Protein backbone atom coordinates (compact mmCIF):
# COMPACT_ATOMS: atom_id res chain seq x y z
CA MET A 1 87.57 124.48 98.80
CA SER A 2 90.87 123.43 96.59
CA ILE A 3 91.98 120.20 96.32
CA GLN A 4 93.53 118.65 99.52
CA ILE A 5 96.23 115.92 99.22
CA ILE A 6 96.30 113.07 100.77
CA PRO A 7 100.13 111.53 100.65
CA PRO A 8 101.34 107.99 100.18
CA ARG A 9 100.15 105.96 102.83
CA SER A 10 98.26 107.73 105.17
CA GLY A 11 95.04 109.36 106.12
CA ALA A 12 93.16 112.13 106.76
CA ALA A 13 89.51 113.13 108.65
CA PHE A 14 87.02 116.27 108.04
CA GLU A 15 83.68 117.11 108.95
CA LEU A 16 81.27 117.29 105.68
CA ALA A 17 77.70 118.87 105.87
CA HIS A 18 74.49 117.93 104.97
CA GLY A 19 74.85 118.85 100.75
CA GLN A 20 78.12 119.40 100.38
CA THR A 21 79.57 117.14 97.83
CA LEU A 22 82.82 114.76 98.79
CA THR A 23 84.76 114.40 95.37
CA VAL A 24 87.56 111.67 95.63
CA ILE A 25 90.08 111.64 92.89
CA ASP A 26 93.26 109.26 91.48
CA PRO A 27 95.58 111.51 90.64
CA GLU A 28 97.93 108.94 88.59
CA GLY A 29 95.60 105.97 88.26
CA GLU A 30 95.54 102.51 90.10
CA GLN A 31 95.57 103.75 93.53
CA VAL A 32 92.32 103.07 96.12
CA SER A 33 91.24 105.24 98.92
CA ASP A 34 89.42 104.07 102.39
CA LEU A 35 86.24 105.47 103.21
CA VAL A 36 84.36 105.79 106.24
CA ALA A 37 81.87 107.98 107.46
CA PHE A 38 80.05 109.04 111.28
CA ALA A 39 77.11 110.76 111.68
CA ARG A 40 78.27 114.05 113.02
CA GLU A 41 75.33 114.32 116.06
CA ASP A 42 75.66 110.83 116.86
CA LEU A 43 79.57 109.06 115.80
CA ASP A 44 77.78 105.53 116.88
CA GLU A 45 76.00 105.85 113.45
CA ALA A 46 78.68 104.92 111.02
CA ILE A 47 79.05 103.49 107.71
CA SER A 48 77.90 100.06 106.92
CA SER A 49 78.60 97.61 104.16
CA GLY A 50 76.47 94.96 105.45
CA ARG A 51 73.45 96.97 105.15
CA SER A 52 74.08 99.17 101.82
CA LEU A 53 74.77 95.92 99.91
CA ASP A 54 71.51 94.41 101.41
CA TYR A 55 69.24 97.14 99.84
CA ALA A 56 70.97 97.05 96.63
CA SER A 57 71.07 93.50 95.89
CA ARG A 58 74.63 93.42 94.64
CA ILE A 59 78.29 94.08 95.66
CA PHE A 60 79.18 96.67 93.03
CA LEU A 61 77.75 100.52 93.73
CA THR A 62 78.08 103.49 91.37
CA THR A 63 76.44 106.44 90.40
CA GLY A 64 73.19 106.47 91.60
CA ASP A 65 73.78 104.42 94.73
CA PRO A 66 73.18 105.41 98.49
CA LEU A 67 75.75 104.25 101.21
CA TYR A 68 73.87 103.30 104.60
CA SER A 69 74.25 103.62 108.02
CA ASN A 70 74.04 100.63 110.80
CA ARG A 71 70.38 102.64 111.58
CA SER A 72 69.55 102.03 107.61
CA ASN A 73 70.02 105.73 106.90
CA VAL A 74 71.48 107.38 103.98
CA MET A 75 74.67 108.91 104.59
CA LEU A 76 76.01 109.24 101.22
CA ARG A 77 75.09 109.09 97.64
CA ILE A 78 77.27 108.40 94.53
CA GLU A 79 76.47 111.32 92.42
CA GLU A 80 79.07 110.35 89.15
CA ASP A 81 81.56 107.67 89.15
CA THR A 82 84.50 107.40 86.37
CA VAL A 83 85.15 104.26 87.23
CA GLY A 84 82.35 101.85 88.24
CA ARG A 85 84.18 99.58 89.80
CA HIS A 86 84.68 99.64 93.97
CA ASP A 87 84.60 97.33 96.87
CA PHE A 88 82.71 97.07 100.13
CA LEU A 89 83.41 93.94 100.85
CA LEU A 90 86.54 94.21 102.88
CA THR A 91 87.97 95.68 105.95
CA PRO A 92 90.75 98.36 105.97
CA CYS A 93 94.39 97.04 106.21
CA SER A 94 96.17 97.01 109.29
CA ALA A 95 99.07 96.17 111.16
CA ASP A 96 97.67 92.75 111.38
CA THR A 97 96.72 92.50 107.61
CA PHE A 98 100.77 92.74 107.03
CA ARG A 99 101.69 90.16 109.64
CA ILE A 100 99.02 87.71 108.24
CA ILE A 101 98.88 88.27 104.75
CA TYR A 102 102.45 89.47 103.43
CA GLY A 103 104.52 88.19 106.46
CA HIS A 104 106.28 91.33 107.40
CA GLU A 105 108.08 91.24 110.92
CA HIS A 106 107.34 94.97 111.49
CA PRO A 107 104.09 95.70 109.81
CA HIS A 108 102.73 99.22 108.32
CA ARG A 109 100.21 100.61 110.62
CA GLY A 110 97.92 100.52 107.09
CA CYS A 111 94.55 102.18 106.74
CA HIS A 112 93.25 101.17 109.95
CA GLY A 113 96.06 102.71 111.89
CA ASN A 114 95.54 105.87 109.38
CA LEU A 115 92.17 105.75 110.02
CA VAL A 116 92.42 106.10 113.69
CA ALA A 117 95.14 108.30 113.73
CA ALA A 118 93.12 110.96 111.86
CA LEU A 119 89.82 110.11 113.55
CA ALA A 120 91.19 111.10 116.68
CA PRO A 121 90.06 114.45 117.59
CA TRP A 122 86.43 113.18 117.02
CA GLY A 123 86.76 110.51 119.46
CA ILE A 124 86.58 107.67 116.91
CA GLY A 125 88.74 104.82 118.77
CA PRO A 126 90.04 101.80 116.65
CA ASP A 127 86.96 99.47 118.10
CA ARG A 128 85.01 101.73 115.94
CA ILE A 129 86.29 101.72 112.46
CA PRO A 130 83.88 100.16 110.24
CA ILE A 131 84.34 98.09 107.12
CA ALA A 132 85.18 100.56 104.28
CA PHE A 133 83.80 101.88 101.28
CA ASN A 134 86.87 100.83 99.28
CA VAL A 135 87.26 103.63 96.37
CA PHE A 136 88.90 102.23 93.21
CA MET A 137 89.12 99.00 95.18
CA HIS A 138 88.76 96.19 92.07
CA VAL A 139 88.01 92.69 93.99
CA ASP A 140 86.98 89.86 91.87
CA VAL A 141 83.91 87.59 93.08
CA ASN A 142 84.09 83.72 91.97
CA GLY A 143 80.61 83.43 91.67
CA THR A 144 80.99 79.39 91.83
CA THR A 145 83.22 79.40 94.99
CA GLY A 146 83.08 82.81 96.23
CA GLU A 147 87.22 83.08 96.10
CA LEU A 148 88.13 86.81 96.51
CA LYS A 149 91.04 87.89 94.37
CA VAL A 150 92.61 91.59 94.62
CA LEU A 151 93.20 93.15 91.29
CA PRO A 152 94.83 96.20 89.88
CA PRO A 153 92.40 99.28 90.19
CA LYS A 154 90.80 99.82 87.20
CA SER A 155 91.28 103.37 87.60
CA LYS A 156 93.48 106.18 85.26
CA ALA A 157 95.12 108.92 85.92
CA GLY A 158 92.34 112.01 87.02
CA ASP A 159 89.34 109.44 87.52
CA ARG A 160 87.51 110.43 90.01
CA ILE A 161 83.60 109.37 92.20
CA VAL A 162 81.85 112.14 93.23
CA PHE A 163 79.67 111.48 96.97
CA ARG A 164 76.66 113.92 98.15
CA ALA A 165 76.30 114.14 101.69
CA GLU A 166 73.07 113.50 103.30
CA MET A 167 73.30 113.82 106.20
CA ASP A 168 76.53 115.95 108.60
CA LEU A 169 79.65 113.27 108.55
CA VAL A 170 82.06 112.90 109.78
CA VAL A 171 84.52 111.35 107.12
CA GLY A 172 88.01 109.31 107.10
CA LEU A 173 89.77 109.38 103.86
CA THR A 174 93.36 106.74 102.90
CA ALA A 175 96.05 106.29 100.45
CA CYS A 176 95.76 102.87 100.74
CA SER A 177 98.66 101.85 102.12
CA ALA A 178 98.23 97.83 100.66
CA GLU A 179 100.66 96.03 98.24
CA GLN A 180 98.13 94.28 96.40
CA SER A 181 95.47 96.78 96.47
CA ASN A 182 96.91 99.25 94.64
CA ASN A 183 99.30 97.26 91.81
CA TYR A 184 102.30 97.42 94.23
CA ALA A 185 102.79 101.33 94.17
CA PHE A 186 101.71 103.37 96.06
CA LYS A 187 100.67 106.86 95.31
CA PRO A 188 98.63 109.84 96.53
CA ILE A 189 95.27 110.71 96.69
CA HIS A 190 93.50 113.99 96.03
CA TYR A 191 90.14 115.09 97.50
CA GLU A 192 87.58 118.24 97.23
CA ILE A 193 84.64 119.07 99.16
CA GLY A 194 82.17 121.18 97.26
CA GLY A 195 79.21 123.44 97.69
């Protein structure tokens, strides 16, 4: 499959078969991509930030780490990671994010809205969107106070992360819409599915 392009502030969804790889690429640098996944055979099984972090016993996941479902099954495994810093802490940005954090009166629908639109053909509604694995996102955590600070992504042009599917999946992927997450510039995300 050739490289697919997700335009700035939009999203896509697709099926990923057991054993296939998904390569997410930041073509221009400093662009976050929200990734969510659902078991193809039972869409109530979804990627779980809490279980993935609990079983890894750390916040930051990279090469070799599995991403677990809410049923403690491995959904994806990270096979390659040229950045080494992603976030599994913060929920996909939404119209409410832009209203509450940024004070927008006419907010963009954000990654949450983009994921809902992209996943609609599978019948996945807004209340079923979990906390995403925020590819390339850079969140600093103060070890004393617990304060979270969103910093510019560490990804440079051409950086990538490669996942291998450990089950048949439906995947949602975005080019993130939040200003702060992307160092105040919106860029595309590329992805490629391999055998």
